Amino acid sequence: MSAEHLYDEQRRAFQAHAAVFVAGMVVMFAVNLATNVSAGIAGNWSAWWSVWALIGWSLGIAVHGFVVWLNQPAHVVAQRRSRRGHRD
């Protein structure tokens, strides 16, 4: 398996992870909002448990993205630099 193929797989896995993150957070926030409103505690910050999920999962997404970014093949990095006008 070439480095480029591996990077493409890692990037697709990250994109899937990010999509599941967005969908999951929307569902969690909606459930949290609905339960807080029905209980009459929407104004109470301690009732917003979805924020903890957002913080934790965001850290996981950030680490995953950083690992994928670090594994970029050298020619991908060189292409990006040349598009921006940087020289090696």
Foldseek 3Di string as FASTA:
>chain_A
DDLQVVLVVLVVVLVVLVVCLVVVLVVLQVVLCVVCVVVVNNVPVVSNPSVVVVVVSVVVSVVSVVVSVVSDDPVVVVVVCVVVPHDD
